[in-house]
PDB file of N, CA and C in Angstrom:
ATOM      1  N   MET A   1      34.181 -27.506   0.853  1.00  0.00           N
ATOM      2  CA  MET A   1      34.711 -26.928   2.233  1.00  0.00           C
ATOM      3  C   MET A   1      35.594 -28.747   2.723  1.00  0.00           C
ATOM      4  N   TRP A   2      35.001 -29.634   2.995  1.00  0.00           N
ATOM      5  CA  TRP A   2      34.717 -31.065   2.955  1.00  0.00           C
ATOM      6  C   TRP A   2      36.073 -31.333   2.396  1.00  0.00           C
ATOM      7  N   ILE A   3      36.154 -31.240   1.129  1.00  0.00           N
ATOM      8  CA  ILE A   3      37.026 -32.161   0.271  1.00  0.00           C
ATOM      9  C   ILE A   3      38.888 -31.679   0.891  1.00  0.00           C
ATOM     10  N   VAL A   4      38.624 -30.206   0.869  1.00  0.00           N
ATOM     11  CA  VAL A   4      39.684 -29.417   1.240  1.00  0.00           C
ATOM     12  C   VAL A   4      40.236 -29.558   2.358  1.00  0.00           C
ATOM     13  N   LEU A   5      39.400 -29.986   3.660  1.00  0.00           N
ATOM     14  CA  LEU A   5      39.654 -30.955   4.636  1.00  0.00           C
ATOM     15  C   LEU A   5      40.585 -31.806   4.582  1.00  0.00           C
ATOM     16  N   PHE A   6      39.607 -32.777   3.875  1.00  0.00           N
ATOM     17  CA  PHE A   6      40.410 -34.159   3.913  1.00  0.00           C
ATOM     18  C   PHE A   6      41.810 -34.313   2.769  1.00  0.00           C
ATOM     19  N   VAL A   7      42.056 -33.387   1.889  1.00  0.00           N
ATOM     20  CA  VAL A   7      43.257 -32.908   1.294  1.00  0.00           C
ATOM     21  C   VAL A   7      44.413 -32.794   2.189  1.00  0.00           C
ATOM     22  N   ILE A   8      43.498 -31.559   3.025  1.00  0.00           N
ATOM     23  CA  ILE A   8      45.094 -30.885   4.366  1.00  0.00           C
ATOM     24  C   ILE A   8      45.439 -32.198   4.919  1.00  0.00           C
ATOM     25  N   ALA A   9      44.386 -32.859   6.000  1.00  0.00           N
ATOM     26  CA  ALA A   9      44.100 -34.041   6.749  1.00  0.00           C
ATOM     27  C   ALA A   9      45.170 -35.489   6.186  1.00  0.00           C
ATOM     28  N   LEU A  10      44.909 -35.245   4.913  1.00  0.00           N
ATOM     29  CA  LEU A  10      46.188 -36.507   3.548  1.00  0.00           C
ATOM     30  C   LEU A  10      47.141 -36.681   3.784  1.00  0.00           C
ATOM     31  N   LEU A  11      47.621 -35.016   3.309  1.00  0.00           N
ATOM     32  CA  LEU A  11      48.807 -34.554   4.038  1.00  0.00           C
ATOM     33  C   LEU A  11      49.709 -34.220   4.922  1.00  0.00           C
ATOM     34  N   PHE A  12      48.694 -34.229   5.892  1.00  0.00           N
ATOM     35  CA  PHE A  12      49.068 -34.365   7.498  1.00  0.00           C
ATOM     36  C   PHE A  12      49.847 -35.925   7.649  1.00  0.00           C
ATOM     37  N   VAL A  13      49.257 -36.873   7.281  1.00  0.00           N
ATOM     38  CA  VAL A  13      49.315 -38.050   7.251  1.00  0.00           C
ATOM     39  C   VAL A  13      50.455 -38.894   6.847  1.00  0.00           C
ATOM     40  N   LEU A  14      50.406 -38.099   5.106  1.00  0.00           N
ATOM     41  CA  LEU A  14      51.470 -38.667   4.473  1.00  0.00           C
ATOM     42  C   LEU A  14      53.079 -38.060   4.964  1.00  0.00           C
ATOM     43  N   GLY A  15      52.608 -36.769   5.403  1.00  0.00           N
ATOM     44  CA  GLY A  15      54.216 -36.091   5.669  1.00  0.00           C
ATOM     45  C   GLY A  15      54.852 -36.357   7.271  1.00  0.00           C
ATOM     46  N   GLY A  16      53.874 -37.210   8.193  1.00  0.00           N
ATOM     47  CA  GLY A  16      54.262 -37.904   9.291  1.00  0.00           C
ATOM     48  C   GLY A  16      54.793 -38.970   8.881  1.00  0.00           C
ATOM     49  N   ALA A  17      54.197 -39.497   7.982  1.00  0.00           N
ATOM     50  CA  ALA A  17      54.957 -41.357   7.266  1.00  0.00           C
ATOM     51  C   ALA A  17      56.335 -41.343   6.606  1.00  0.00           C
ATOM     52  N   LEU A  18      56.400 -39.912   6.317  1.00  0.00           N
ATOM     53  CA  LEU A  18      57.363 -39.887   5.293  1.00  0.00           C
ATOM     54  C   LEU A  18      58.900 -39.182   6.361  1.00  0.00           C
ATOM     55  N   LEU A  19      58.328 -38.446   7.808  1.00  0.00           N
ATOM     56  CA  LEU A  19      59.183 -38.271   8.235  1.00  0.00           C
ATOM     57  C   LEU A  19      59.656 -39.249   9.425  1.00  0.00           C
ATOM     58  N   LEU A  20      59.065 -40.283   9.397  1.00  0.00           N
ATOM     59  CA  LEU A  20      58.856 -41.485  10.119  1.00  0.00           C
ATOM     60  C   LEU A  20      60.265 -42.270   9.732  1.00  0.00           C
ATOM     61  N   LEU A  21      59.749 -42.159   8.113  1.00  0.00           N
ATOM     62  CA  LEU A  21      60.525 -43.370   7.313  1.00  0.00           C
ATOM     63  C   LEU A  21      62.323 -42.836   7.186  1.00  0.00           C
ATOM     64  N   ARG A  22      61.855 -41.236   7.071  1.00  0.00           N
ATOM     65  CA  ARG A  22      63.635 -40.752   7.212  1.00  0.00           C
ATOM     66  C   ARG A  22      64.388 -40.658   8.265  1.00  0.00           C
ATOM     67  N   SER A  23      63.448 -40.580   9.361  1.00  0.00           N
ATOM     68  CA  SER A  23      64.292 -40.853  10.588  1.00  0.00           C
ATOM     69  C   SER A  23      64.728 -42.071  11.137  1.00  0.00           C
ATOM     70  N   ALA A  24      63.971 -43.105  10.445  1.00  0.00           N
ATOM     71  CA  ALA A  24      64.513 -44.717  10.882  1.00  0.00           C
ATOM     72  C   ALA A  24      65.451 -45.259   9.733  1.00  0.00           C
ATOM     73  N   ASN A  25      65.102 -44.487   8.816  1.00  0.00           N
ATOM     74  CA  ASN A  25      66.593 -44.670   7.870  1.00  0.00           C
ATOM     75  C   ASN A  25      67.673 -44.024   8.121  1.00  0.00           C
ATOM     76  N   SER A  26      68.156 -43.093   8.849  1.00  0.00           N
ATOM     77  CA  SER A  26      69.267 -42.454   9.302  1.00  0.00           C
ATOM     78  C   SER A  26      69.842 -43.175  10.157  1.00  0.00           C
ATOM     79  N   HIS A  27      69.386 -43.922  11.454  1.00  0.00           N
ATOM     80  CA  HIS A  27      69.679 -44.893  12.554  1.00  0.00           C
ATOM     81  C   HIS A  27      69.976 -45.765  12.323  1.00  0.00           C
ATOM     82  N   LYS A  28      71.256 -46.019  11.498  1.00  0.00           N
ATOM     83  CA  LYS A  28      71.884 -47.142  11.120  1.00  0.00           C
ATOM     84  C   LYS A  28      73.259 -47.440  11.595  1.00  0.00           C
ATOM     85  N   ILE A  29      73.013 -49.010  12.539  1.00  0.00           N
ATOM     86  CA  ILE A  29      74.066 -49.269  13.686  1.00  0.00           C
ATOM     87  C   ILE A  29      75.543 -50.189  12.641  1.00  0.00           C
ATOM     88  N   PRO A  30      76.641 -48.944  12.619  1.00  0.00           N
ATOM     89  CA  PRO A  30      77.725 -49.290  12.108  1.00  0.00           C
ATOM     90  C   PRO A  30      78.230 -51.124  11.512  1.00  0.00           C
ATOM     91  N   ASP A  31      78.445 -51.561  10.995  1.00  0.00           N
ATOM     92  CA  ASP A  31      78.871 -53.189  10.505  1.00  0.00           C
ATOM     93  C   ASP A  31      80.327 -53.739  11.472  1.00  0.00           C
ATOM     94  N   GLY A  32      81.080 -52.343  12.571  1.00  0.00           N
ATOM     95  CA  GLY A  32      82.253 -52.881  12.946  1.00  0.00           C
ATOM     96  C   GLY A  32      81.600 -53.379  14.559  1.00  0.00           C
ATOM     97  N   VAL A  33      80.350 -52.920  14.580  1.00  0.00           N
ATOM     98  CA  VAL A  33      79.686 -52.830  16.155  1.00  0.00           C
ATOM     99  C   VAL A  33      78.977 -53.931  16.356  1.00  0.00           C
ATOM    100  N   LYS A  34      79.683 -54.655  17.833  1.00  0.00           N
ATOM    101  CA  LYS A  34      79.110 -55.901  18.095  1.00  0.00           C
ATOM    102  C   LYS A  34      78.383 -55.922  19.165  1.00  0.00           C
ATOM    103  N   ALA A  35      77.407 -56.962  19.524  1.00  0.00           N
ATOM    104  CA  ALA A  35      76.724 -56.678  20.829  1.00  0.00           C
ATOM    105  C   ALA A  35      77.138 -57.237  22.017  1.00  0.00           C
ATOM    106  N   GLN A  36      76.873 -56.563  23.556  1.00  0.00           N
ATOM    107  CA  GLN A  36      77.959 -56.364  24.059  1.00  0.00           C
ATOM    108  C   GLN A  36      77.017 -57.457  25.059  1.00  0.00           C
ATOM    109  N   PRO A  37      77.311 -58.574  25.875  1.00  0.00           N
ATOM    110  CA  PRO A  37      76.857 -58.846  26.553  1.00  0.00           C
ATOM    111  C   PRO A  37      76.052 -58.313  28.291  1.00  0.00           C
ATOM    112  N   TYR A  38      74.680 -58.344  28.591  1.00  0.00           N
ATOM    113  CA  TYR A  38      74.962 -58.055  29.922  1.00  0.00           C
ATOM    114  C   TYR A  38      75.543 -59.028  31.122  1.00  0.00           C
ATOM    115  N   GLN A  39      75.776 -58.012  32.415  1.00  0.00           N
ATOM    116  CA  GLN A  39      76.582 -58.575  33.612  1.00  0.00           C
ATOM    117  C   GLN A  39      75.638 -59.565  33.924  1.00  0.00           C
ATOM    118  N   ASP A  40      74.288 -59.039  34.023  1.00  0.00           N
ATOM    119  CA  ASP A  40      73.663 -60.649  35.153  1.00  0.00           C
ATOM    120  C   ASP A  40      73.055 -61.489  33.745  1.00  0.00           C
ATOM    121  N   ASP A  41      74.000 -62.020  33.101  1.00  0.00           N
ATOM    122  CA  ASP A  41      73.825 -62.879  31.917  1.00  0.00           C
ATOM    123  C   ASP A  41      73.301 -64.604  32.576  1.00  0.00           C
ATOM    124  N   ASP A  42      74.244 -64.311  34.038  1.00  0.00           N
ATOM    125  CA  ASP A  42      74.876 -65.915  34.605  1.00  0.00           C
ATOM    126  C   ASP A  42      73.111 -66.196  35.318  1.00  0.00           C
ATOM    127  N   ASP A  43      72.587 -65.537  35.627  1.00  0.00           N
ATOM    128  CA  ASP A  43      71.281 -65.243  36.091  1.00  0.00           C
ATOM    129  C   ASP A  43      70.896 -66.723  36.000  1.00  0.00           C
TER     130      ASP A  43
END
């Protein structure tokens, strides 16, 4: 019984990690985008 619960918990952890990796790779900044200076840089 404990082995079944352990396998289910392991699947949830691996699934969550894969979802985080997939979402982190999908939001890439395009090459043409440059950082804009803040308005309050003079302070």
